PDB file of N, CA and C in Angstrom:
ATOM      1  N   MET A   1      78.759 155.416  92.868  1.00  0.00           N
ATOM      2  CA  MET A   1      77.912 154.815  93.924  1.00  0.00           C
ATOM      3  C   MET A   1      77.165 153.665  93.289  1.00  0.00           C
ATOM      4  N   THR A   2      77.134 152.516  93.930  1.00  0.00           N
ATOM      5  CA  THR A   2      76.332 151.329  93.524  1.00  0.00           C
ATOM      6  C   THR A   2      75.173 151.143  94.350  1.00  0.00           C
ATOM      7  N   ILE A   3      74.043 150.982  93.672  1.00  0.00           N
ATOM      8  CA  ILE A   3      72.775 150.719  94.379  1.00  0.00           C
ATOM      9  C   ILE A   3      72.456 149.308  94.159  1.00  0.00           C
ATOM     10  N   HIS A   4      72.188 148.611  95.269  1.00  0.00           N
ATOM     11  CA  HIS A   4      71.804 147.252  95.234  1.00  0.00           C
ATOM     12  C   HIS A   4      70.278 147.216  95.610  1.00  0.00           C
ATOM     13  N   GLN A   5      69.515 146.506  94.756  1.00  0.00           N
ATOM     14  CA  GLN A   5      68.101 146.375  95.027  1.00  0.00           C
ATOM     15  C   GLN A   5      67.879 144.900  95.364  1.00  0.00           C
ATOM     16  N   ASP A   6      67.082 144.684  96.512  1.00  0.00           N
ATOM     17  CA  ASP A   6      66.850 143.364  96.903  1.00  0.00           C
ATOM     18  C   ASP A   6      65.474 142.979  96.222  1.00  0.00           C
ATOM     19  N   PHE A   7      65.643 141.977  95.220  1.00  0.00           N
ATOM     20  CA  PHE A   7      64.374 141.566  94.544  1.00  0.00           C
ATOM     21  C   PHE A   7      63.732 140.501  95.255  1.00  0.00           C
ATOM     22  N   SER A   8      64.369 139.778  96.330  1.00  0.00           N
ATOM     23  CA  SER A   8      63.809 138.677  96.939  1.00  0.00           C
ATOM     24  C   SER A   8      62.475 138.808  97.642  1.00  0.00           C
ATOM     25  N   ASN A   9      62.099 140.049  97.992  1.00  0.00           N
ATOM     26  CA  ASN A   9      60.881 140.274  98.677  1.00  0.00           C
ATOM     27  C   ASN A   9      59.618 140.586  97.689  1.00  0.00           C
ATOM     28  N   THR A  10      59.948 140.662  96.435  1.00  0.00           N
ATOM     29  CA  THR A  10      58.921 140.902  95.456  1.00  0.00           C
ATOM     30  C   THR A  10      58.662 139.691  94.678  1.00  0.00           C
ATOM     31  N   ARG A  11      57.459 139.030  94.748  1.00  0.00           N
ATOM     32  CA  ARG A  11      57.190 137.814  94.112  1.00  0.00           C
ATOM     33  C   ARG A  11      57.463 137.839  92.629  1.00  0.00           C
ATOM     34  N   HIS A  12      57.041 138.954  91.958  1.00  0.00           N
ATOM     35  CA  HIS A  12      57.169 138.978  90.542  1.00  0.00           C
ATOM     36  C   HIS A  12      58.695 139.165  90.179  1.00  0.00           C
ATOM     37  N   ALA A  13      59.442 139.777  90.884  1.00  0.00           N
ATOM     38  CA  ALA A  13      60.848 139.992  90.484  1.00  0.00           C
ATOM     39  C   ALA A  13      61.846 138.945  90.981  1.00  0.00           C
ATOM     40  N   ALA A  14      61.395 138.105  91.906  1.00  0.00           N
ATOM     41  CA  ALA A  14      62.400 137.082  92.488  1.00  0.00           C
ATOM     42  C   ALA A  14      62.767 136.092  91.526  1.00  0.00           C
ATOM     43  N   LEU A  15      63.991 135.884  91.406  1.00  0.00           N
ATOM     44  CA  LEU A  15      64.508 134.817  90.488  1.00  0.00           C
ATOM     45  C   LEU A  15      64.433 133.448  91.221  1.00  0.00           C
ATOM     46  N   PRO A  16      64.129 132.452  90.515  1.00  0.00           N
ATOM     47  CA  PRO A  16      63.922 131.150  91.148  1.00  0.00           C
ATOM     48  C   PRO A  16      65.254 130.675  91.776  1.00  0.00           C
ATOM     49  N   ALA A  17      65.060 129.898  92.781  1.00  0.00           N
ATOM     50  CA  ALA A  17      66.276 129.237  93.384  1.00  0.00           C
ATOM     51  C   ALA A  17      67.026 128.358  92.449  1.00  0.00           C
ATOM     52  N   PRO A  18      68.279 128.116  92.513  1.00  0.00           N
ATOM     53  CA  PRO A  18      68.977 127.180  91.674  1.00  0.00           C
ATOM     54  C   PRO A  18      68.294 125.780  91.787  1.00  0.00           C
ATOM     55  N   ILE A  19      68.227 125.044  90.571  1.00  0.00           N
ATOM     56  CA  ILE A  19      67.678 123.750  90.675  1.00  0.00           C
ATOM     57  C   ILE A  19      68.831 122.635  90.747  1.00  0.00           C
ATOM     58  N   ASP A  20      68.472 121.519  91.276  1.00  0.00           N
ATOM     59  CA  ASP A  20      69.463 120.409  91.403  1.00  0.00           C
ATOM     60  C   ASP A  20      69.712 119.762  90.076  1.00  0.00           C
ATOM     61  N   SER A  21      70.767 119.033  89.912  1.00  0.00           N
ATOM     62  CA  SER A  21      71.195 118.466  88.664  1.00  0.00           C
ATOM     63  C   SER A  21      70.125 117.446  88.117  1.00  0.00           C
ATOM     64  N   GLU A  22      69.402 116.725  88.913  1.00  0.00           N
ATOM     65  CA  GLU A  22      68.391 115.834  88.384  1.00  0.00           C
ATOM     66  C   GLU A  22      67.283 116.576  87.816  1.00  0.00           C
ATOM     67  N   THR A  23      66.821 117.579  88.537  1.00  0.00           N
ATOM     68  CA  THR A  23      65.759 118.324  87.939  1.00  0.00           C
ATOM     69  C   THR A  23      66.111 119.059  86.660  1.00  0.00           C
ATOM     70  N   ARG A  24      67.399 119.498  86.592  1.00  0.00           N
ATOM     71  CA  ARG A  24      67.885 120.209  85.423  1.00  0.00           C
ATOM     72  C   ARG A  24      67.766 119.272  84.197  1.00  0.00           C
ATOM     73  N   VAL A  25      68.306 118.027  84.498  1.00  0.00           N
ATOM     74  CA  VAL A  25      68.229 117.072  83.336  1.00  0.00           C
ATOM     75  C   VAL A  25      66.859 116.735  82.909  1.00  0.00           C
ATOM     76  N   LEU A  26      65.948 116.545  83.839  1.00  0.00           N
ATOM     77  CA  LEU A  26      64.601 116.250  83.476  1.00  0.00           C
ATOM     78  C   LEU A  26      63.954 117.341  82.706  1.00  0.00           C
ATOM     79  N   LEU A  27      64.106 118.673  83.201  1.00  0.00           N
ATOM     80  CA  LEU A  27      63.475 119.760  82.578  1.00  0.00           C
ATOM     81  C   LEU A  27      64.116 119.956  81.135  1.00  0.00           C
ATOM     82  N   TYR A  28      65.477 119.787  81.132  1.00  0.00           N
ATOM     83  CA  TYR A  28      66.137 119.991  79.802  1.00  0.00           C
ATOM     84  C   TYR A  28      65.517 119.010  78.802  1.00  0.00           C
ATOM     85  N   SER A  29      65.398 117.684  79.160  1.00  0.00           N
ATOM     86  CA  SER A  29      64.925 116.694  78.272  1.00  0.00           C
ATOM     87  C   SER A  29      63.476 116.940  77.895  1.00  0.00           C
ATOM     88  N   PHE A  30      62.717 117.515  78.719  1.00  0.00           N
ATOM     89  CA  PHE A  30      61.274 117.719  78.608  1.00  0.00           C
ATOM     90  C   PHE A  30      60.976 118.971  77.755  1.00  0.00           C
ATOM     91  N   LEU A  31      61.787 120.032  78.036  1.00  0.00           N
ATOM     92  CA  LEU A  31      61.478 121.370  77.468  1.00  0.00           C
ATOM     93  C   LEU A  31      62.367 121.845  76.374  1.00  0.00           C
ATOM     94  N   SER A  32      63.597 121.337  76.397  1.00  0.00           N
ATOM     95  CA  SER A  32      64.597 121.844  75.339  1.00  0.00           C
ATOM     96  C   SER A  32      64.135 121.668  73.856  1.00  0.00           C
ATOM     97  N   PRO A  33      63.405 120.594  73.562  1.00  0.00           N
ATOM     98  CA  PRO A  33      62.886 120.479  72.154  1.00  0.00           C
ATOM     99  C   PRO A  33      62.023 121.687  71.738  1.00  0.00           C
ATOM    100  N   ILE A  34      61.229 122.175  72.747  1.00  0.00           N
ATOM    101  CA  ILE A  34      60.419 123.274  72.510  1.00  0.00           C
ATOM    102  C   ILE A  34      61.253 124.600  72.362  1.00  0.00           C
ATOM    103  N   LEU A  35      62.117 124.729  73.358  1.00  0.00           N
ATOM    104  CA  LEU A  35      63.023 125.975  73.307  1.00  0.00           C
ATOM    105  C   LEU A  35      63.958 126.032  71.978  1.00  0.00           C
ATOM    106  N   GLN A  36      64.334 124.942  71.544  1.00  0.00           N
ATOM    107  CA  GLN A  36      65.308 124.823  70.431  1.00  0.00           C
ATOM    108  C   GLN A  36      64.578 124.929  69.096  1.00  0.00           C
ATOM    109  N   THR A  37      63.224 124.562  68.942  1.00  0.00           N
ATOM    110  CA  THR A  37      62.527 124.583  67.700  1.00  0.00           C
ATOM    111  C   THR A  37      61.519 125.623  67.495  1.00  0.00           C
ATOM    112  N   ALA A  38      61.106 126.337  68.550  1.00  0.00           N
ATOM    113  CA  ALA A  38      60.008 127.403  68.392  1.00  0.00           C
ATOM    114  C   ALA A  38      60.416 128.450  67.395  1.00  0.00           C
ATOM    115  N   GLY A  39      59.597 128.806  66.519  1.00  0.00           N
ATOM    116  CA  GLY A  39      59.947 129.751  65.515  1.00  0.00           C
ATOM    117  C   GLY A  39      59.560 131.153  65.873  1.00  0.00           C
ATOM    118  N   SER A  40      58.774 131.306  66.966  1.00  0.00           N
ATOM    119  CA  SER A  40      58.426 132.669  67.448  1.00  0.00           C
ATOM    120  C   SER A  40      58.129 132.601  68.913  1.00  0.00           C
ATOM    121  N   TRP A  41      58.016 133.779  69.522  1.00  0.00           N
ATOM    122  CA  TRP A  41      57.692 133.855  70.989  1.00  0.00           C
ATOM    123  C   TRP A  41      56.259 133.252  71.207  1.00  0.00           C
ATOM    124  N   SER A  42      55.241 133.616  70.326  1.00  0.00           N
ATOM    125  CA  SER A  42      53.977 133.038  70.625  1.00  0.00           C
ATOM    126  C   SER A  42      53.896 131.514  70.323  1.00  0.00           C
ATOM    127  N   GLU A  43      54.757 130.977  69.401  1.00  0.00           N
ATOM    128  CA  GLU A  43      54.770 129.488  69.251  1.00  0.00           C
ATOM    129  C   GLU A  43      55.382 128.904  70.567  1.00  0.00           C
ATOM    130  N   LEU A  44      56.489 129.517  70.987  1.00  0.00           N
ATOM    131  CA  LEU A  44      57.116 129.017  72.243  1.00  0.00           C
ATOM    132  C   LEU A  44      56.090 129.007  73.351  1.00  0.00           C
ATOM    133  N   ARG A  45      55.415 130.039  73.539  1.00  0.00           N
ATOM    134  CA  ARG A  45      54.491 130.088  74.701  1.00  0.00           C
ATOM    135  C   ARG A  45      53.330 129.114  74.569  1.00  0.00           C
ATOM    136  N   ASN A  46      52.790 128.900  73.380  1.00  0.00           N
ATOM    137  CA  ASN A  46      51.760 127.942  73.112  1.00  0.00           C
ATOM    138  C   ASN A  46      52.186 126.525  73.402  1.00  0.00           C
ATOM    139  N   GLU A  47      53.348 126.184  72.843  1.00  0.00           N
ATOM    140  CA  GLU A  47      54.049 124.849  73.096  1.00  0.00           C
ATOM    141  C   GLU A  47      54.333 124.656  74.593  1.00  0.00           C
ATOM    142  N   LEU A  48      54.837 125.666  75.343  1.00  0.00           N
ATOM    143  CA  LEU A  48      55.099 125.499  76.723  1.00  0.00           C
ATOM    144  C   LEU A  48      53.704 125.251  77.488  1.00  0.00           C
ATOM    145  N   ALA A  49      52.738 126.024  77.121  1.00  0.00           N
ATOM    146  CA  ALA A  49      51.420 125.912  77.742  1.00  0.00           C
ATOM    147  C   ALA A  49      50.853 124.410  77.594  1.00  0.00           C
ATOM    148  N   GLY A  50      51.086 123.765  76.461  1.00  0.00           N
ATOM    149  CA  GLY A  50      50.747 122.429  76.211  1.00  0.00           C
ATOM    150  C   GLY A  50      51.403 121.418  77.298  1.00  0.00           C
ATOM    151  N   LYS A  51      52.553 121.869  77.723  1.00  0.00           N
ATOM    152  CA  LYS A  51      53.279 121.086  78.765  1.00  0.00           C
ATOM    153  C   LYS A  51      53.018 121.563  80.226  1.00  0.00           C
ATOM    154  N   GLY A  52      52.247 122.609  80.327  1.00  0.00           N
ATOM    155  CA  GLY A  52      51.969 123.118  81.736  1.00  0.00           C
ATOM    156  C   GLY A  52      52.906 124.217  82.212  1.00  0.00           C
ATOM    157  N   TYR A  53      53.649 124.813  81.218  1.00  0.00           N
ATOM    158  CA  TYR A  53      54.531 125.882  81.619  1.00  0.00           C
ATOM    159  C   TYR A  53      54.280 127.173  80.926  1.00  0.00           C
ATOM    160  N   ASP A  54      54.895 128.147  81.283  1.00  0.00           N
ATOM    161  CA  ASP A  54      54.746 129.515  80.707  1.00  0.00           C
ATOM    162  C   ASP A  54      56.139 130.165  80.886  1.00  0.00           C
ATOM    163  N   VAL A  55      56.238 131.386  80.263  1.00  0.00           N
ATOM    164  CA  VAL A  55      57.512 132.082  80.328  1.00  0.00           C
ATOM    165  C   VAL A  55      57.211 133.507  80.855  1.00  0.00           C
ATOM    166  N   THR A  56      58.059 133.993  81.669  1.00  0.00           N
ATOM    167  CA  THR A  56      58.061 135.402  82.168  1.00  0.00           C
ATOM    168  C   THR A  56      59.448 135.948  82.183  1.00  0.00           C
ATOM    169  N   PHE A  57      59.669 137.179  82.598  1.00  0.00           N
ATOM    170  CA  PHE A  57      60.857 137.761  82.579  1.00  0.00           C
ATOM    171  C   PHE A  57      61.091 138.463  83.956  1.00  0.00           C
ATOM    172  N   ARG A  58      62.252 138.259  84.515  1.00  0.00           N
ATOM    173  CA  ARG A  58      62.550 138.871  85.874  1.00  0.00           C
ATOM    174  C   ARG A  58      64.045 139.197  85.916  1.00  0.00           C
ATOM    175  N   ALA A  59      64.232 140.493  86.242  1.00  0.00           N
ATOM    176  CA  ALA A  59      65.660 140.992  86.498  1.00  0.00           C
ATOM    177  C   ALA A  59      66.431 140.733  85.212  1.00  0.00           C
ATOM    178  N   GLY A  60      65.886 140.918  84.045  1.00  0.00           N
ATOM    179  CA  GLY A  60      66.578 140.729  82.728  1.00  0.00           C
ATOM    180  C   GLY A  60      66.697 139.348  82.381  1.00  0.00           C
ATOM    181  N   ARG A  61      66.072 138.464  82.996  1.00  0.00           N
ATOM    182  CA  ARG A  61      66.298 136.990  82.592  1.00  0.00           C
ATOM    183  C   ARG A  61      64.955 136.371  82.246  1.00  0.00           C
ATOM    184  N   MET A  62      64.998 135.405  81.371  1.00  0.00           N
ATOM    185  CA  MET A  62      63.838 134.693  81.024  1.00  0.00           C
ATOM    186  C   MET A  62      63.643 133.562  82.109  1.00  0.00           C
ATOM    187  N   VAL A  63      62.437 133.355  82.612  1.00  0.00           N
ATOM    188  CA  VAL A  63      62.130 132.452  83.709  1.00  0.00           C
ATOM    189  C   VAL A  63      60.967 131.582  83.293  1.00  0.00           C
ATOM    190  N   LEU A  64      61.211 130.294  83.334  1.00  0.00           N
ATOM    191  CA  LEU A  64      60.029 129.371  83.136  1.00  0.00           C
ATOM    192  C   LEU A  64      59.300 129.213  84.451  1.00  0.00           C
ATOM    193  N   LYS A  65      57.930 129.160  84.263  1.00  0.00           N
ATOM    194  CA  LYS A  65      57.071 128.982  85.405  1.00  0.00           C
ATOM    195  C   LYS A  65      55.998 127.921  85.209  1.00  0.00           C
ATOM    196  N   ASN A  66      55.450 127.477  86.363  1.00  0.00           N
ATOM    197  CA  ASN A  66      54.298 126.583  86.216  1.00  0.00           C
ATOM    198  C   ASN A  66      53.183 127.399  85.836  1.00  0.00           C
ATOM    199  N   ALA A  67      52.429 126.996  84.700  1.00  0.00           N
ATOM    200  CA  ALA A  67      51.405 127.802  84.178  1.00  0.00           C
ATOM    201  C   ALA A  67      50.228 127.850  85.108  1.00  0.00           C
ATOM    202  N   GLU A  68      49.978 126.849  85.866  1.00  0.00           N
ATOM    203  CA  GLU A  68      48.806 126.818  86.820  1.00  0.00           C
ATOM    204  C   GLU A  68      49.017 127.657  88.103  1.00  0.00           C
ATOM    205  N   SER A  69      50.129 127.464  88.753  1.00  0.00           N
ATOM    206  CA  SER A  69      50.362 128.076  90.010  1.00  0.00           C
ATOM    207  C   SER A  69      51.165 129.401  89.761  1.00  0.00           C
ATOM    208  N   GLY A  70      51.785 129.634  88.743  1.00  0.00           N
ATOM    209  CA  GLY A  70      52.598 130.786  88.541  1.00  0.00           C
ATOM    210  C   GLY A  70      54.002 130.774  89.242  1.00  0.00           C
ATOM    211  N   ASP A  71      54.292 129.656  89.856  1.00  0.00           N
ATOM    212  CA  ASP A  71      55.566 129.569  90.612  1.00  0.00           C
ATOM    213  C   ASP A  71      56.699 129.446  89.607  1.00  0.00           C
ATOM    214  N   ALA A  72      57.806 130.173  89.935  1.00  0.00           N
ATOM    215  CA  ALA A  72      58.949 130.162  89.118  1.00  0.00           C
ATOM    216  C   ALA A  72      59.648 128.813  89.236  1.00  0.00           C
ATOM    217  N   ILE A  73      60.044 128.218  88.128  1.00  0.00           N
ATOM    218  CA  ILE A  73      60.786 126.911  88.185  1.00  0.00           C
ATOM    219  C   ILE A  73      62.289 127.114  87.990  1.00  0.00           C
ATOM    220  N   CYS A  74      62.656 127.779  86.983  1.00  0.00           N
ATOM    221  CA  CYS A  74      64.083 128.048  86.713  1.00  0.00           C
ATOM    222  C   CYS A  74      64.245 129.097  85.612  1.00  0.00           C
ATOM    223  N   THR A  75      65.451 129.543  85.478  1.00  0.00           N
ATOM    224  CA  THR A  75      65.829 130.440  84.429  1.00  0.00           C
ATOM    225  C   THR A  75      66.056 129.588  83.108  1.00  0.00           C
ATOM    226  N   GLY A  76      66.039 130.231  81.952  1.00  0.00           N
ATOM    227  CA  GLY A  76      66.309 129.549  80.675  1.00  0.00           C
ATOM    228  C   GLY A  76      67.699 129.086  80.683  1.00  0.00           C
ATOM    229  N   ARG A  77      68.685 129.829  81.284  1.00  0.00           N
ATOM    230  CA  ARG A  77      70.047 129.549  81.316  1.00  0.00           C
ATOM    231  C   ARG A  77      70.273 128.234  82.112  1.00  0.00           C
ATOM    232  N   ALA A  78      69.498 127.914  83.190  1.00  0.00           N
ATOM    233  CA  ALA A  78      69.611 126.849  84.035  1.00  0.00           C
ATOM    234  C   ALA A  78      69.417 125.476  83.190  1.00  0.00           C
ATOM    235  N   ILE A  79      68.643 125.556  82.079  1.00  0.00           N
ATOM    236  CA  ILE A  79      68.340 124.409  81.266  1.00  0.00           C
ATOM    237  C   ILE A  79      69.051 124.519  79.869  1.00  0.00           C
ATOM    238  N   GLY A  80      70.021 125.349  79.869  1.00  0.00           N
ATOM    239  CA  GLY A  80      70.795 125.510  78.545  1.00  0.00           C
ATOM    240  C   GLY A  80      70.197 126.382  77.491  1.00  0.00           C
ATOM    241  N   MET A  81      69.264 127.234  77.767  1.00  0.00           N
ATOM    242  CA  MET A  81      68.701 128.171  76.784  1.00  0.00           C
ATOM    243  C   MET A  81      68.512 129.555  77.384  1.00  0.00           C
ATOM    244  N   PRO A  82      69.643 130.290  77.469  1.00  0.00           N
ATOM    245  CA  PRO A  82      69.490 131.685  77.997  1.00  0.00           C
ATOM    246  C   PRO A  82      68.676 132.572  77.090  1.00  0.00           C
ATOM    247  N   LEU A  83      68.223 133.542  77.602  1.00  0.00           N
ATOM    248  CA  LEU A  83      67.431 134.540  76.844  1.00  0.00           C
ATOM    249  C   LEU A  83      68.181 135.073  75.614  1.00  0.00           C
ATOM    250  N   ARG A  84      69.440 135.344  75.784  1.00  0.00           N
ATOM    251  CA  ARG A  84      70.262 135.901  74.687  1.00  0.00           C
ATOM    252  C   ARG A  84      70.232 134.855  73.534  1.00  0.00           C
ATOM    253  N   ALA A  85      70.374 133.604  73.789  1.00  0.00           N
ATOM    254  CA  ALA A  85      70.462 132.679  72.769  1.00  0.00           C
ATOM    255  C   ALA A  85      69.076 132.542  71.928  1.00  0.00           C
ATOM    256  N   LEU A  86      68.124 132.472  72.710  1.00  0.00           N
ATOM    257  CA  LEU A  86      66.682 132.370  72.208  1.00  0.00           C
ATOM    258  C   LEU A  86      66.389 133.634  71.445  1.00  0.00           C
ATOM    259  N   ALA A  87      66.662 134.849  71.949  1.00  0.00           N
ATOM    260  CA  ALA A  87      66.420 136.051  71.181  1.00  0.00           C
ATOM    261  C   ALA A  87      67.127 136.183  69.921  1.00  0.00           C
ATOM    262  N   SER A  88      68.380 135.612  69.968  1.00  0.00           N
ATOM    263  CA  SER A  88      69.179 135.751  68.726  1.00  0.00           C
ATOM    264  C   SER A  88      68.623 134.879  67.604  1.00  0.00           C
ATOM    265  N   ARG A  89      67.981 133.845  68.019  1.00  0.00           N
ATOM    266  CA  ARG A  89      67.333 132.911  67.025  1.00  0.00           C
ATOM    267  C   ARG A  89      66.018 133.382  66.558  1.00  0.00           C
ATOM    268  N   ILE A  90      65.064 133.751  67.499  1.00  0.00           N
ATOM    269  CA  ILE A  90      63.697 134.055  67.172  1.00  0.00           C
ATOM    270  C   ILE A  90      63.349 135.520  67.268  1.00  0.00           C
ATOM    271  N   GLY A  91      64.289 136.348  67.668  1.00  0.00           N
ATOM    272  CA  GLY A  91      64.044 137.765  67.804  1.00  0.00           C
ATOM    273  C   GLY A  91      63.825 138.167  69.287  1.00  0.00           C
ATOM    274  N   ARG A  92      63.946 139.389  69.459  1.00  0.00           N
ATOM    275  CA  ARG A  92      63.722 139.933  70.750  1.00  0.00           C
ATOM    276  C   ARG A  92      62.295 139.915  71.305  1.00  0.00           C
ATOM    277  N   PRO A  93      61.983 139.510  72.481  1.00  0.00           N
ATOM    278  CA  PRO A  93      60.573 139.447  72.887  1.00  0.00           C
ATOM    279  C   PRO A  93      59.934 140.797  73.116  1.00  0.00           C
ATOM    280  N   CYS A  94      58.693 140.904  72.965  1.00  0.00           N
ATOM    281  CA  CYS A  94      58.012 142.160  73.338  1.00  0.00           C
ATOM    282  C   CYS A  94      57.397 141.976  74.678  1.00  0.00           C
ATOM    283  N   ILE A  95      57.978 142.712  75.657  1.00  0.00           N
ATOM    284  CA  ILE A  95      57.612 142.528  76.954  1.00  0.00           C
ATOM    285  C   ILE A  95      56.889 143.779  77.668  1.00  0.00           C
ATOM    286  N   LYS A  96      55.792 143.509  78.371  1.00  0.00           N
ATOM    287  CA  LYS A  96      55.137 144.548  79.068  1.00  0.00           C
ATOM    288  C   LYS A  96      55.617 144.474  80.515  1.00  0.00           C
ATOM    289  N   ALA A  97      56.222 145.605  80.847  1.00  0.00           N
ATOM    290  CA  ALA A  97      56.768 145.734  82.189  1.00  0.00           C
ATOM    291  C   ALA A  97      55.845 145.750  83.271  1.00  0.00           C
ATOM    292  N   ASN A  98      56.019 145.052  84.438  1.00  0.00           N
ATOM    293  CA  ASN A  98      55.138 145.131  85.598  1.00  0.00           C
ATOM    294  C   ASN A  98      55.469 146.342  86.468  1.00  0.00           C
ATOM    295  N   PRO A  99      54.512 146.720  87.308  1.00  0.00           N
ATOM    296  CA  PRO A  99      54.835 147.974  88.085  1.00  0.00           C
ATOM    297  C   PRO A  99      55.958 147.930  88.947  1.00  0.00           C
ATOM    298  N   ASP A 100      56.546 146.719  89.301  1.00  0.00           N
ATOM    299  CA  ASP A 100      57.747 146.627  90.078  1.00  0.00           C
ATOM    300  C   ASP A 100      58.976 147.157  89.425  1.00  0.00           C
ATOM    301  N   GLY A 101      58.910 147.253  88.033  1.00  0.00           N
ATOM    302  CA  GLY A 101      60.052 147.783  87.210  1.00  0.00           C
ATOM    303  C   GLY A 101      61.173 146.848  86.989  1.00  0.00           C
ATOM    304  N   VAL A 102      61.119 145.583  87.496  1.00  0.00           N
ATOM    305  CA  VAL A 102      62.184 144.672  87.262  1.00  0.00           C
ATOM    306  C   VAL A 102      61.654 143.268  86.690  1.00  0.00           C
ATOM    307  N   SER A 103      60.375 143.281  86.419  1.00  0.00           N
ATOM    308  CA  SER A 103      59.794 142.024  85.841  1.00  0.00           C
ATOM    309  C   SER A 103      58.707 142.399  84.787  1.00  0.00           C
ATOM    310  N   GLY A 104      58.492 141.468  83.938  1.00  0.00           N
ATOM    311  CA  GLY A 104      57.452 141.723  82.877  1.00  0.00           C
ATOM    312  C   GLY A 104      56.902 140.427  82.225  1.00  0.00           C
ATOM    313  N   GLU A 105      55.937 140.703  81.507  1.00  0.00           N
ATOM    314  CA  GLU A 105      55.203 139.558  80.877  1.00  0.00           C
ATOM    315  C   GLU A 105      55.370 139.633  79.406  1.00  0.00           C
ATOM    316  N   LEU A 106      55.380 138.485  78.762  1.00  0.00           N
ATOM    317  CA  LEU A 106      55.429 138.457  77.301  1.00  0.00           C
ATOM    318  C   LEU A 106      54.076 138.818  76.596  1.00  0.00           C
ATOM    319  N   LEU A 107      54.175 139.715  75.606  1.00  0.00           N
ATOM    320  CA  LEU A 107      52.956 140.120  74.933  1.00  0.00           C
ATOM    321  C   LEU A 107      52.827 139.171  73.688  1.00  0.00           C
ATOM    322  N   ASN A 108      51.677 138.748  73.448  1.00  0.00           N
ATOM    323  CA  ASN A 108      51.501 137.837  72.203  1.00  0.00           C
ATOM    324  C   ASN A 108      51.392 138.676  71.022  1.00  0.00           C
TER     325      ASN A 108
END
């Protein structure tokens, strides 16, 4: 039996909508240097904060969000840096699960 859970009604768990190609290129050029050179999760988070972004986790994926509003922007995969690639380089993140059971926040 397959159970499908609808994450779209839960703000914390909802994955961001796909981004258009122009936005993808802009975000890639703006954020990929941080994603490619951060030596730790805390360094990544600090560098992203300097640009007005933060990282969260939803449905097993890394999601970049606007630090001020908390709105999800895109997944890491959307701009060429999936969680798997980042975790293989800097280690697995330590994540505190949210009560919804499908999202979590990075612990420093």
